[in-house]
């Protein structure tokens, strides 16, 4: 995500310090042009994240 531009910022959610540290360390990862191209070529995700009851709760 960070390679997509300066106007994009991930917002990770976590409950554990160890996961926060892991997420922050991801900023040091550098992917090759080939790796980025492979990720960009993946099909978009499909399917819902929430079930019907949850969607009603968030009024969608």
PDB file of N, CA and C in Angstrom:
ATOM      1  N   UNK A   1       0.804  -1.188   0.000  1.00  0.00           N
ATOM      2  CA  UNK A   1       0.000   0.000   0.000  1.00  0.00           C
ATOM      3  C   UNK A   1       0.853   1.260   0.000  1.00  0.00           C
ATOM      4  N   UNK A   2       1.894   1.247   0.791  1.00  0.00           N
ATOM      5  CA  UNK A   2       2.707   2.447   0.907  1.00  0.00           C
ATOM      6  C   UNK A   2       3.397   2.804  -0.403  1.00  0.00           C
ATOM      7  N   UNK A   3       3.569   1.834  -1.291  1.00  0.00           N
ATOM      8  CA  UNK A   3       4.214   2.112  -2.577  1.00  0.00           C
ATOM      9  C   UNK A   3       3.266   2.771  -3.564  1.00  0.00           C
ATOM     10  N   UNK A   4       1.989   2.892  -3.221  1.00  0.00           N
ATOM     11  CA  UNK A   4       0.988   3.437  -4.135  1.00  0.00           C
ATOM     12  C   UNK A   4       0.917   4.954  -4.122  1.00  0.00           C
ATOM     13  N   UNK A   5       1.625   5.600  -3.227  1.00  0.00           N
ATOM     14  CA  UNK A   5       1.641   7.057  -3.223  1.00  0.00           C
ATOM     15  C   UNK A   5       1.648   7.631  -1.823  1.00  0.00           C
ATOM     16  N   UNK A   6       1.889   8.929  -1.777  1.00  0.00           N
ATOM     17  CA  UNK A   6       1.958   9.610  -0.487  1.00  0.00           C
ATOM     18  C   UNK A   6       0.589   9.913   0.104  1.00  0.00           C
ATOM     19  N   UNK A   7      -0.463   9.753  -0.697  1.00  0.00           N
ATOM     20  CA  UNK A   7      -1.803  10.078  -0.218  1.00  0.00           C
ATOM     21  C   UNK A   7      -2.566   8.846   0.265  1.00  0.00           C
ATOM     22  N   UNK A   8      -1.866   7.732   0.470  1.00  0.00           N
ATOM     23  CA  UNK A   8      -2.479   6.494   0.945  1.00  0.00           C
ATOM     24  C   UNK A   8      -1.838   6.120   2.276  1.00  0.00           C
ATOM     25  N   UNK A   9      -2.676   5.845   3.265  1.00  0.00           N
ATOM     26  CA  UNK A   9      -2.160   5.472   4.575  1.00  0.00           C
ATOM     27  C   UNK A   9      -2.960   4.305   5.131  1.00  0.00           C
ATOM     28  N   UNK A  10      -2.307   3.183   5.433  1.00  0.00           N
ATOM     29  CA  UNK A  10      -3.016   2.063   6.044  1.00  0.00           C
ATOM     30  C   UNK A  10      -3.435   2.417   7.474  1.00  0.00           C
ATOM     31  N   UNK A  11      -4.554   1.897   7.880  1.00  0.00           N
ATOM     32  CA  UNK A  11      -5.034   2.113   9.242  1.00  0.00           C
ATOM     33  C   UNK A  11      -5.224   0.739   9.885  1.00  0.00           C
ATOM     34  N   UNK A  12      -4.139   0.167  10.425  1.00  0.00           N
ATOM     35  CA  UNK A  12      -4.265  -1.159  11.037  1.00  0.00           C
ATOM     36  C   UNK A  12      -4.963  -1.085  12.393  1.00  0.00           C
ATOM     37  N   UNK A  13      -5.767  -2.052  12.658  1.00  0.00           N
ATOM     38  CA  UNK A  13      -6.401  -2.151  13.966  1.00  0.00           C
ATOM     39  C   UNK A  13      -5.797  -3.322  14.727  1.00  0.00           C
ATOM     40  N   UNK A  14      -5.512  -3.136  15.967  1.00  0.00           N
ATOM     41  CA  UNK A  14      -4.899  -4.204  16.748  1.00  0.00           C
ATOM     42  C   UNK A  14      -5.196  -4.013  18.228  1.00  0.00           C
ATOM     43  N   UNK A  15      -5.107  -5.099  18.954  1.00  0.00           N
ATOM     44  CA  UNK A  15      -5.309  -5.073  20.402  1.00  0.00           C
ATOM     45  C   UNK A  15      -4.038  -5.406  21.163  1.00  0.00           C
ATOM     46  N   UNK A  16      -3.023  -5.841  20.451  1.00  0.00           N
ATOM     47  CA  UNK A  16      -1.808  -6.300  21.114  1.00  0.00           C
ATOM     48  C   UNK A  16      -0.598  -5.476  20.668  1.00  0.00           C
ATOM     49  N   UNK A  17       0.264  -5.170  21.609  1.00  0.00           N
ATOM     50  CA  UNK A  17       1.474  -4.405  21.320  1.00  0.00           C
ATOM     51  C   UNK A  17       2.331  -5.142  20.299  1.00  0.00           C
ATOM     52  N   UNK A  18       2.411  -6.461  20.423  1.00  0.00           N
ATOM     53  CA  UNK A  18       3.246  -7.233  19.490  1.00  0.00           C
ATOM     54  C   UNK A  18       2.752  -7.082  18.056  1.00  0.00           C
ATOM     55  N   UNK A  19       1.461  -7.002  17.863  1.00  0.00           N
ATOM     56  CA  UNK A  19       0.910  -6.814  16.513  1.00  0.00           C
ATOM     57  C   UNK A  19       1.156  -5.393  16.015  1.00  0.00           C
ATOM     58  N   UNK A  20       1.088  -4.412  16.915  1.00  0.00           N
ATOM     59  CA  UNK A  20       1.385  -3.033  16.542  1.00  0.00           C
ATOM     60  C   UNK A  20       2.831  -2.918  16.073  1.00  0.00           C
ATOM     61  N   UNK A  21       3.728  -3.545  16.802  1.00  0.00           N
ATOM     62  CA  UNK A  21       5.143  -3.537  16.416  1.00  0.00           C
ATOM     63  C   UNK A  21       5.341  -4.235  15.078  1.00  0.00           C
ATOM     64  N   UNK A  22       4.634  -5.330  14.868  1.00  0.00           N
ATOM     65  CA  UNK A  22       4.709  -6.059  13.600  1.00  0.00           C
ATOM     66  C   UNK A  22       4.209  -5.185  12.448  1.00  0.00           C
ATOM     67  N   UNK A  23       3.082  -4.498  12.671  1.00  0.00           N
ATOM     68  CA  UNK A  23       2.534  -3.620  11.637  1.00  0.00           C
ATOM     69  C   UNK A  23       3.490  -2.482  11.317  1.00  0.00           C
ATOM     70  N   UNK A  24       4.083  -1.885  12.345  1.00  0.00           N
ATOM     71  CA  UNK A  24       5.020  -0.779  12.132  1.00  0.00           C
ATOM     72  C   UNK A  24       6.267  -1.245  11.383  1.00  0.00           C
ATOM     73  N   UNK A  25       6.710  -2.446  11.644  1.00  0.00           N
ATOM     74  CA  UNK A  25       7.899  -2.985  10.974  1.00  0.00           C
ATOM     75  C   UNK A  25       7.653  -3.207   9.484  1.00  0.00           C
ATOM     76  N   UNK A  26       6.405  -3.323   9.084  1.00  0.00           N
ATOM     77  CA  UNK A  26       6.090  -3.527   7.669  1.00  0.00           C
ATOM     78  C   UNK A  26       6.548  -2.351   6.818  1.00  0.00           C
ATOM     79  N   UNK A  27       6.726  -1.198   7.431  1.00  0.00           N
ATOM     80  CA  UNK A  27       7.199  -0.021   6.700  1.00  0.00           C
ATOM     81  C   UNK A  27       8.613  -0.224   6.167  1.00  0.00           C
ATOM     82  N   UNK A  28       9.360  -1.142   6.750  1.00  0.00           N
ATOM     83  CA  UNK A  28      10.732  -1.407   6.325  1.00  0.00           C
ATOM     84  C   UNK A  28      10.817  -2.425   5.183  1.00  0.00           C
ATOM     85  N   UNK A  29       9.694  -3.049   4.839  1.00  0.00           N
ATOM     86  CA  UNK A  29       9.690  -4.059   3.783  1.00  0.00           C
ATOM     87  C   UNK A  29       9.715  -3.368   2.419  1.00  0.00           C
ATOM     88  N   UNK A  30      10.602  -3.816   1.559  1.00  0.00           N
ATOM     89  CA  UNK A  30      10.670  -3.279   0.200  1.00  0.00           C
ATOM     90  C   UNK A  30      10.417  -4.413  -0.782  1.00  0.00           C
ATOM     91  N   UNK A  31       9.376  -4.267  -1.575  1.00  0.00           N
ATOM     92  CA  UNK A  31       9.026  -5.270  -2.561  1.00  0.00           C
ATOM     93  C   UNK A  31       9.673  -4.931  -3.897  1.00  0.00           C
ATOM     94  N   UNK A  32       9.979  -5.975  -4.660  1.00  0.00           N
ATOM     95  CA  UNK A  32      10.552  -5.770  -5.989  1.00  0.00           C
ATOM     96  C   UNK A  32       9.443  -5.340  -6.955  1.00  0.00           C
ATOM     97  N   UNK A  33       9.855  -4.844  -8.098  1.00  0.00           N
ATOM     98  CA  UNK A  33       8.899  -4.460  -9.143  1.00  0.00           C
ATOM     99  C   UNK A  33       8.059  -5.670  -9.535  1.00  0.00           C
ATOM    100  N   UNK A  34       8.682  -6.828  -9.606  1.00  0.00           N
ATOM    101  CA  UNK A  34       7.967  -8.052  -9.970  1.00  0.00           C
ATOM    102  C   UNK A  34       6.923  -8.425  -8.917  1.00  0.00           C
ATOM    103  N   UNK A  35       7.293  -8.297  -7.652  1.00  0.00           N
ATOM    104  CA  UNK A  35       6.343  -8.615  -6.580  1.00  0.00           C
ATOM    105  C   UNK A  35       5.156  -7.658  -6.597  1.00  0.00           C
ATOM    106  N   UNK A  36       5.420  -6.377  -6.804  1.00  0.00           N
ATOM    107  CA  UNK A  36       4.333  -5.397  -6.877  1.00  0.00           C
ATOM    108  C   UNK A  36       3.414  -5.687  -8.068  1.00  0.00           C
ATOM    109  N   UNK A  37       4.013  -6.052  -9.202  1.00  0.00           N
ATOM    110  CA  UNK A  37       3.209  -6.369 -10.389  1.00  0.00           C
ATOM    111  C   UNK A  37       2.326  -7.589 -10.133  1.00  0.00           C
ATOM    112  N   UNK A  38       2.870  -8.583  -9.454  1.00  0.00           N
ATOM    113  CA  UNK A  38       2.083  -9.779  -9.145  1.00  0.00           C
ATOM    114  C   UNK A  38       0.915  -9.432  -8.231  1.00  0.00           C
ATOM    115  N   UNK A  39       1.155  -8.608  -7.219  1.00  0.00           N
ATOM    116  CA  UNK A  39       0.078  -8.188  -6.320  1.00  0.00           C
ATOM    117  C   UNK A  39      -0.975  -7.366  -7.068  1.00  0.00           C
ATOM    118  N   UNK A  40      -0.517  -6.481  -7.957  1.00  0.00           N
ATOM    119  CA  UNK A  40      -1.450  -5.657  -8.721  1.00  0.00           C
ATOM    120  C   UNK A  40      -2.303  -6.476  -9.682  1.00  0.00           C
ATOM    121  N   UNK A  41      -1.801  -7.639 -10.087  1.00  0.00           N
ATOM    122  CA  UNK A  41      -2.532  -8.461 -11.054  1.00  0.00           C
ATOM    123  C   UNK A  41      -3.563  -9.392 -10.415  1.00  0.00           C
ATOM    124  N   UNK A  42      -3.595  -9.446  -9.091  1.00  0.00           N
ATOM    125  CA  UNK A  42      -4.561 -10.307  -8.407  1.00  0.00           C
ATOM    126  C   UNK A  42      -5.979  -9.793  -8.621  1.00  0.00           C
ATOM    127  N   UNK A  43      -6.940 -10.692  -8.744  1.00  0.00           N
ATOM    128  CA  UNK A  43      -8.325 -10.236  -8.887  1.00  0.00           C
ATOM    129  C   UNK A  43      -8.812  -9.589  -7.597  1.00  0.00           C
ATOM    130  N   UNK A  44      -9.792  -8.693  -7.697  1.00  0.00           N
ATOM    131  CA  UNK A  44     -10.305  -8.059  -6.475  1.00  0.00           C
ATOM    132  C   UNK A  44     -11.005  -9.074  -5.580  1.00  0.00           C
ATOM    133  N   UNK A  45     -11.044  -8.770  -4.308  1.00  0.00           N
ATOM    134  CA  UNK A  45     -11.731  -9.640  -3.342  1.00  0.00           C
ATOM    135  C   UNK A  45     -13.225  -9.647  -3.638  1.00  0.00           C
ATOM    136  N   UNK A  46     -13.858 -10.770  -3.377  1.00  0.00           N
ATOM    137  CA  UNK A  46     -15.306 -10.880  -3.571  1.00  0.00           C
ATOM    138  C   UNK A  46     -15.937 -11.389  -2.278  1.00  0.00           C
ATOM    139  N   UNK A  47     -17.211 -11.130  -2.167  1.00  0.00           N
ATOM    140  CA  UNK A  47     -17.927 -11.607  -0.996  1.00  0.00           C
ATOM    141  C   UNK A  47     -18.020 -10.540   0.065  1.00  0.00           C
ATOM    142  N   UNK A  48     -18.959 -10.726   0.937  1.00  0.00           N
ATOM    143  CA  UNK A  48     -19.181  -9.760   1.989  1.00  0.00           C
ATOM    144  C   UNK A  48     -18.349 -10.045   3.220  1.00  0.00           C
ATOM    145  N   UNK A  49     -18.086  -9.012   3.950  1.00  0.00           N
ATOM    146  CA  UNK A  49     -17.341  -9.146   5.203  1.00  0.00           C
ATOM    147  C   UNK A  49     -18.302  -9.393   6.360  1.00  0.00           C
ATOM    148  N   UNK A  50     -19.514  -8.833   6.251  1.00  0.00           N
ATOM    149  CA  UNK A  50     -20.498  -8.945   7.322  1.00  0.00           C
ATOM    150  C   UNK A  50     -21.669  -9.815   6.874  1.00  0.00           C
ATOM    151  N   UNK A  51     -22.250 -10.528   7.825  1.00  0.00           N
ATOM    152  CA  UNK A  51     -23.446 -11.294   7.501  1.00  0.00           C
ATOM    153  C   UNK A  51     -24.653 -10.346   7.497  1.00  0.00           C
ATOM    154  N   UNK A  52     -25.825 -10.850   7.126  1.00  0.00           N
ATOM    155  CA  UNK A  52     -27.016 -10.011   6.978  1.00  0.00           C
ATOM    156  C   UNK A  52     -27.391  -9.292   8.274  1.00  0.00           C
ATOM    157  N   UNK A  53     -27.328  -9.986   9.399  1.00  0.00           N
ATOM    158  CA  UNK A  53     -27.677  -9.366  10.670  1.00  0.00           C
ATOM    159  C   UNK A  53     -26.736  -8.209  10.993  1.00  0.00           C
ATOM    160  N   UNK A  54     -25.457  -8.401  10.760  1.00  0.00           N
ATOM    161  CA  UNK A  54     -24.494  -7.329  11.018  1.00  0.00           C
ATOM    162  C   UNK A  54     -24.737  -6.129  10.097  1.00  0.00           C
ATOM    163  N   UNK A  55     -25.095  -6.400   8.852  1.00  0.00           N
ATOM    164  CA  UNK A  55     -25.382  -5.318   7.921  1.00  0.00           C
ATOM    165  C   UNK A  55     -26.588  -4.513   8.390  1.00  0.00           C
ATOM    166  N   UNK A  56     -27.586  -5.169   8.926  1.00  0.00           N
ATOM    167  CA  UNK A  56     -28.750  -4.449   9.464  1.00  0.00           C
ATOM    168  C   UNK A  56     -28.351  -3.575  10.638  1.00  0.00           C
ATOM    169  N   UNK A  57     -27.425  -4.069  11.462  1.00  0.00           N
ATOM    170  CA  UNK A  57     -26.991  -3.306  12.629  1.00  0.00           C
ATOM    171  C   UNK A  57     -26.275  -2.017  12.225  1.00  0.00           C
ATOM    172  N   UNK A  58     -25.560  -2.069  11.099  1.00  0.00           N
ATOM    173  CA  UNK A  58     -24.864  -0.865  10.652  1.00  0.00           C
ATOM    174  C   UNK A  58     -25.659  -0.138   9.568  1.00  0.00           C
ATOM    175  N   UNK A  59     -26.914  -0.537   9.426  1.00  0.00           N
ATOM    176  CA  UNK A  59     -27.871   0.106   8.537  1.00  0.00           C
ATOM    177  C   UNK A  59     -27.395   0.161   7.099  1.00  0.00           C
ATOM    178  N   UNK A  60     -26.968  -0.964   6.586  1.00  0.00           N
ATOM    179  CA  UNK A  60     -26.570  -1.044   5.172  1.00  0.00           C
ATOM    180  C   UNK A  60     -27.263  -2.190   4.508  1.00  0.00           C
TER     181      UNK A  60
END
